[in-house]
């Protein structure tokens, strides 16, 4: 049987307006481009790194 993949739920809670361009690009990379939008993503080191870059703009639920 295939093992269930771990996921992480990310919700955008702050606007990228007035932030650096890399912060906006990272949010788009996570699939978040509007306030209160939520995405369930696979829990990988790459995704964790992106979340860490914009941790001040998002809420993370395991």
C-alpha atoms as a PDB file:
ATOM      1  CA  UNK A   1       0.000   0.000   0.000  1.00  0.00           C
ATOM      2  CA  UNK A   2       1.127   3.504  -0.704  1.00  0.00           C
ATOM      3  CA  UNK A   3       2.032   5.447   2.403  1.00  0.00           C
ATOM      4  CA  UNK A   4      -0.057   8.561   3.063  1.00  0.00           C
ATOM      5  CA  UNK A   5       1.904  11.719   2.351  1.00  0.00           C
ATOM      6  CA  UNK A   6       2.172  14.327   5.059  1.00  0.00           C
ATOM      7  CA  UNK A   7       0.524  17.621   4.281  1.00  0.00           C
ATOM      8  CA  UNK A   8       0.599  21.126   5.681  1.00  0.00           C
ATOM      9  CA  UNK A   9      -2.201  23.700   5.415  1.00  0.00           C
ATOM     10  CA  UNK A  10      -1.100  27.264   4.718  1.00  0.00           C
ATOM     11  CA  UNK A  11      -3.403  30.297   4.921  1.00  0.00           C
ATOM     12  CA  UNK A  12      -2.439  33.808   3.850  1.00  0.00           C
ATOM     13  CA  UNK A  13      -3.273  36.217   6.690  1.00  0.00           C
ATOM     14  CA  UNK A  14      -1.431  39.389   5.634  1.00  0.00           C
ATOM     15  CA  UNK A  15      -1.161  41.323   2.387  1.00  0.00           C
ATOM     16  CA  UNK A  16       2.074  41.455   0.376  1.00  0.00           C
ATOM     17  CA  UNK A  17       1.398  45.107  -0.513  1.00  0.00           C
ATOM     18  CA  UNK A  18       4.453  47.156   0.381  1.00  0.00           C
ATOM     19  CA  UNK A  19       6.594  44.044   0.865  1.00  0.00           C
ATOM     20  CA  UNK A  20       9.619  42.985  -1.126  1.00  0.00           C
ATOM     21  CA  UNK A  21       9.027  41.420  -4.549  1.00  0.00           C
ATOM     22  CA  UNK A  22      10.490  38.089  -3.399  1.00  0.00           C
ATOM     23  CA  UNK A  23       7.803  37.832  -0.702  1.00  0.00           C
ATOM     24  CA  UNK A  24       5.036  38.289  -3.282  1.00  0.00           C
ATOM     25  CA  UNK A  25       6.696  35.739  -5.602  1.00  0.00           C
ATOM     26  CA  UNK A  26       7.016  33.225  -2.763  1.00  0.00           C
ATOM     27  CA  UNK A  27       3.317  33.559  -1.917  1.00  0.00           C
ATOM     28  CA  UNK A  28       2.425  32.953  -5.565  1.00  0.00           C
ATOM     29  CA  UNK A  29       4.734  29.926  -5.557  1.00  0.00           C
ATOM     30  CA  UNK A  30       2.765  28.554  -2.614  1.00  0.00           C
ATOM     31  CA  UNK A  31      -0.489  29.156  -4.498  1.00  0.00           C
ATOM     32  CA  UNK A  32      -1.519  32.086  -2.316  1.00  0.00           C
ATOM     33  CA  UNK A  33      -2.247  35.403  -3.963  1.00  0.00           C
ATOM     34  CA  UNK A  34      -5.327  36.693  -2.123  1.00  0.00           C
ATOM     35  CA  UNK A  35      -6.124  37.248   1.529  1.00  0.00           C
ATOM     36  CA  UNK A  36      -7.518  34.293   3.504  1.00  0.00           C
ATOM     37  CA  UNK A  37      -6.833  31.852   0.693  1.00  0.00           C
ATOM     38  CA  UNK A  38      -5.861  28.393   1.956  1.00  0.00           C
ATOM     39  CA  UNK A  39      -3.806  25.668   0.293  1.00  0.00           C
ATOM     40  CA  UNK A  40      -3.006  22.153   1.432  1.00  0.00           C
ATOM     41  CA  UNK A  41       0.507  21.323   0.280  1.00  0.00           C
ATOM     42  CA  UNK A  42       2.771  18.303   0.514  1.00  0.00           C
ATOM     43  CA  UNK A  43       5.140  18.651   3.477  1.00  0.00           C
ATOM     44  CA  UNK A  44       8.534  18.766   1.744  1.00  0.00           C
ATOM     45  CA  UNK A  45      11.749  20.630   2.606  1.00  0.00           C
ATOM     46  CA  UNK A  46      11.178  22.953  -0.371  1.00  0.00           C
ATOM     47  CA  UNK A  47       7.677  23.903   0.804  1.00  0.00           C
ATOM     48  CA  UNK A  48       8.934  24.346   4.384  1.00  0.00           C
ATOM     49  CA  UNK A  49      11.652  26.697   3.116  1.00  0.00           C
ATOM     50  CA  UNK A  50       9.119  28.789   1.203  1.00  0.00           C
ATOM     51  CA  UNK A  51       6.875  28.978   4.267  1.00  0.00           C
ATOM     52  CA  UNK A  52       9.831  30.077   6.386  1.00  0.00           C
ATOM     53  CA  UNK A  53      10.549  32.953   3.951  1.00  0.00           C
ATOM     54  CA  UNK A  54       7.003  34.341   4.336  1.00  0.00           C
ATOM     55  CA  UNK A  55       6.201  33.176   7.867  1.00  0.00           C
ATOM     56  CA  UNK A  56       5.130  36.730   8.760  1.00  0.00           C
ATOM     57  CA  UNK A  57       2.400  36.610   6.083  1.00  0.00           C
ATOM     58  CA  UNK A  58       0.927  33.138   6.578  1.00  0.00           C
ATOM     59  CA  UNK A  59      -0.584  30.815   9.204  1.00  0.00           C
ATOM     60  CA  UNK A  60       0.495  27.166   9.135  1.00  0.00           C
ATOM     61  CA  UNK A  61      -1.480  24.178  10.414  1.00  0.00           C
ATOM     62  CA  UNK A  62       0.010  20.697  10.569  1.00  0.00           C
END
